[in-house]
């Protein structure tokens, strides 16, 4: 069954880079779904593993903006940083492309097969990237329509500290400590 909506975190830094726009339910948005930095260790919170064999492509929500995923690597940018191998990949997870950054193993190398045509599986927290410096050409934009916002209040001293609040709009102001999760409906490509 095709995924009809996606939940992603809108970070305070990303909202600032966007210029603090007023966002509301029904508003279209184009963004890159970013799974963040993944480690080749299934014991890590965000992790990945490479497989030579193809697997069923999927993206399954397992927590707030947290997804288990598997799919084919469609694009790869491999590079060395401080003598260690790193990668930025686009993984096709069903109908949605997910950009991830892969960290090296303890020996400084990436797991064998961290390149295009192989299969990547793992788990990561998805962030919506609307504005970025484009330090990598990897990442495929996705069109969505905002459906709702969930805000975890973490501002020290706030009477609602530690509580979730749901709304249909996000005011155009900074939110330094709070966590904002956006649920959006995915636009489908027309045949």
Protein backbone atom coordinates (compact mmCIF):
# COMPACT_ATOMS: atom_id res chain seq x y z
CA UNK A 1 0.00 0.00 0.00
CA UNK A 2 1.39 3.41 -0.98
CA UNK A 3 2.27 5.88 1.75
CA UNK A 4 -0.23 8.77 1.69
CA UNK A 5 1.35 11.03 4.29
CA UNK A 6 4.73 11.62 5.89
CA UNK A 7 5.73 13.07 9.25
CA UNK A 8 9.00 14.99 9.41
CA UNK A 9 10.73 17.28 11.87
CA UNK A 10 11.03 20.95 10.99
CA UNK A 11 14.13 22.03 12.92
CA UNK A 12 14.55 25.50 14.43
CA UNK A 13 17.55 26.05 12.11
CA UNK A 14 15.59 25.04 9.03
CA UNK A 15 12.67 27.31 9.98
CA UNK A 16 15.14 30.19 10.44
CA UNK A 17 16.73 29.48 7.02
CA UNK A 18 13.21 29.64 5.51
CA UNK A 19 12.79 33.14 6.99
CA UNK A 20 10.14 32.17 9.59
CA UNK A 21 7.18 31.97 7.19
CA UNK A 22 3.62 31.51 8.46
CA UNK A 23 2.80 27.88 7.63
CA UNK A 24 -0.71 26.46 7.69
CA UNK A 25 -2.83 23.45 6.84
CA UNK A 26 -3.44 23.10 3.09
CA UNK A 27 -0.26 24.94 2.09
CA UNK A 28 1.93 23.22 -0.55
CA UNK A 29 5.62 22.72 0.20
CA UNK A 30 8.56 21.31 -1.76
CA UNK A 31 11.30 19.70 0.32
CA UNK A 32 13.95 17.02 0.51
CA UNK A 33 13.28 14.24 3.02
CA UNK A 34 16.55 13.80 4.91
CA UNK A 35 17.19 10.75 7.09
CA UNK A 36 20.25 12.35 8.71
CA UNK A 37 23.55 10.75 9.64
CA UNK A 38 23.35 6.96 9.88
CA UNK A 39 25.91 4.63 11.45
CA UNK A 40 26.80 1.08 10.30
CA UNK A 41 25.78 -0.27 13.72
CA UNK A 42 22.27 -1.60 14.37
CA UNK A 43 22.74 -0.64 18.03
CA UNK A 44 22.79 3.06 17.13
CA UNK A 45 19.58 5.10 17.16
CA UNK A 46 20.07 5.94 13.47
CA UNK A 47 21.71 3.10 11.54
CA UNK A 48 22.11 1.44 8.14
CA UNK A 49 23.19 -1.80 6.53
CA UNK A 50 23.97 -2.58 2.89
CA UNK A 51 22.67 -5.60 0.99
CA UNK A 52 23.60 -6.84 -2.45
CA UNK A 53 20.23 -8.53 -2.95
CA UNK A 54 17.15 -6.43 -3.73
CA UNK A 55 14.46 -6.22 -1.05
CA UNK A 56 10.93 -4.87 -0.98
CA UNK A 57 11.19 -1.09 -0.95
CA UNK A 58 9.42 0.56 1.99
CA UNK A 59 9.27 3.44 4.43
CA UNK A 60 7.47 2.61 7.70
CA UNK A 61 6.91 5.05 10.56
CA UNK A 62 7.99 3.63 13.94
CA UNK A 63 7.99 6.82 16.08
CA UNK A 64 7.71 10.62 15.85
CA UNK A 65 9.35 11.35 12.46
CA UNK A 66 11.28 8.08 12.95
CA UNK A 67 11.17 5.59 10.09
CA UNK A 68 12.42 2.12 9.28
CA UNK A 69 13.34 2.07 5.61
CA UNK A 70 14.74 -0.10 2.86
CA UNK A 71 15.24 0.51 -0.81
CA UNK A 72 17.62 0.75 -3.73
CA UNK A 73 20.42 3.30 -3.70
CA UNK A 74 19.63 5.54 -6.70
CA UNK A 75 22.40 8.14 -6.33
CA UNK A 76 25.63 8.22 -4.35
CA UNK A 77 28.29 10.77 -3.54
CA UNK A 78 31.29 9.13 -1.87
CA UNK A 79 34.05 11.25 -0.33
CA UNK A 80 36.83 11.23 2.25
CA UNK A 81 36.82 13.49 5.28
CA UNK A 82 39.85 13.45 7.61
CA UNK A 83 40.93 10.19 5.90
CA UNK A 84 37.59 8.44 6.51
CA UNK A 85 35.11 7.36 3.86
CA UNK A 86 31.65 8.94 3.95
CA UNK A 87 28.64 8.88 1.64
CA UNK A 88 25.54 10.87 0.87
CA UNK A 89 22.91 8.70 -0.82
CA UNK A 90 19.44 8.87 -2.28
CA UNK A 91 17.52 5.71 -1.40
CA UNK A 92 14.26 5.00 -3.21
CA UNK A 93 11.86 3.86 -0.48
CA UNK A 94 8.71 2.93 -2.36
CA UNK A 95 7.48 6.09 -4.07
CA UNK A 96 9.59 8.40 -1.89
CA UNK A 97 13.27 9.28 -2.22
CA UNK A 98 15.13 9.56 1.09
CA UNK A 99 18.51 11.30 1.40
CA UNK A 100 20.85 9.88 4.03
CA UNK A 101 24.44 10.44 5.10
CA UNK A 102 26.42 7.30 5.91
CA UNK A 103 29.23 7.29 8.46
CA UNK A 104 32.21 4.92 8.21
CA UNK A 105 32.88 1.77 10.20
CA UNK A 106 35.46 1.79 13.02
CA UNK A 107 38.27 1.20 10.45
CA UNK A 108 37.35 4.40 8.57
CA UNK A 109 35.82 2.65 5.56
CA UNK A 110 32.21 2.39 4.45
CA UNK A 111 30.61 -1.06 4.41
CA UNK A 112 31.15 -2.88 1.11
CA UNK A 113 28.48 -1.97 -1.41
CA UNK A 114 27.65 1.56 -0.22
CA UNK A 115 27.07 2.75 -3.78
CA UNK A 116 24.41 2.94 -6.47
CA UNK A 117 22.32 -0.14 -7.37
CA UNK A 118 22.79 -1.81 -3.96
CA UNK A 119 20.07 -1.95 -1.30
CA UNK A 120 20.21 0.08 1.90
CA UNK A 121 18.10 -0.66 4.98
CA UNK A 122 18.02 1.02 8.34
CA UNK A 123 16.31 3.48 10.62
CA UNK A 124 16.49 7.26 10.85
CA UNK A 125 14.67 10.38 11.96
CA UNK A 126 13.39 12.34 8.96
CA UNK A 127 13.86 16.08 8.70
CA UNK A 128 12.24 18.23 6.02
CA UNK A 129 14.84 20.34 4.19
CA UNK A 130 13.36 23.31 2.33
CA UNK A 131 16.37 25.66 2.33
CA UNK A 132 19.97 24.50 2.24
CA UNK A 133 23.47 25.45 1.10
CA UNK A 134 23.54 22.62 -1.50
CA UNK A 135 26.93 21.27 -0.45
CA UNK A 136 25.84 18.04 -2.18
CA UNK A 137 23.88 17.50 -5.37
CA UNK A 138 22.25 14.42 -3.80
CA UNK A 139 18.60 14.76 -2.80
CA UNK A 140 15.35 14.60 -4.75
CA UNK A 141 12.62 17.16 -3.94
CA UNK A 142 9.17 15.91 -2.93
CA UNK A 143 5.93 17.91 -3.18
CA UNK A 144 3.58 17.76 -0.19
CA UNK A 145 0.62 19.59 1.32
CA UNK A 146 0.85 20.48 5.01
CA UNK A 147 -1.81 18.69 7.05
CA UNK A 148 -0.99 19.43 10.70
CA UNK A 149 1.71 20.42 13.19
CA UNK A 150 2.61 18.65 16.43
CA UNK A 151 4.72 20.73 18.80
CA UNK A 152 6.59 19.30 21.79
CA UNK A 153 6.92 22.23 24.21
CA UNK A 154 10.47 22.28 25.62
CA UNK A 155 10.90 25.97 26.41
CA UNK A 156 12.25 26.23 30.00
CA UNK A 157 9.71 27.77 32.35
CA UNK A 158 6.75 27.28 29.98
CA UNK A 159 3.68 26.05 31.88
CA UNK A 160 3.16 23.44 29.14
CA UNK A 161 6.77 22.13 29.28
CA UNK A 162 6.95 18.49 28.17
CA UNK A 163 3.50 18.48 26.59
CA UNK A 164 2.41 17.94 22.99
CA UNK A 165 0.19 20.49 21.24
CA UNK A 166 -1.44 19.98 17.84
CA UNK A 167 -2.41 22.83 15.50
CA UNK A 168 -3.31 23.64 11.90
CA UNK A 169 -0.75 26.47 11.64
CA UNK A 170 2.73 27.44 12.73
CA UNK A 171 3.24 31.10 13.66
CA UNK A 172 6.07 33.05 11.94
CA UNK A 173 8.37 33.18 14.97
CA UNK A 174 11.45 31.31 16.23
CA UNK A 175 11.13 28.18 18.39
CA UNK A 176 14.57 27.56 19.88
CA UNK A 177 13.87 24.61 22.19
CA UNK A 178 10.55 23.17 21.03
CA UNK A 179 10.34 20.30 18.54
CA UNK A 180 8.00 20.74 15.57
CA UNK A 181 6.71 17.72 13.66
CA UNK A 182 4.84 18.31 10.41
CA UNK A 183 2.41 15.78 8.97
CA UNK A 184 1.98 16.31 5.23
CA UNK A 185 0.04 14.64 2.44
CA UNK A 186 2.23 13.40 -0.41
CA UNK A 187 1.53 14.60 -3.95
CA UNK A 188 1.41 11.80 -6.49
CA UNK A 189 2.96 12.10 -9.94
CA UNK A 190 0.34 12.06 -12.66
CA UNK A 191 0.62 9.29 -15.23
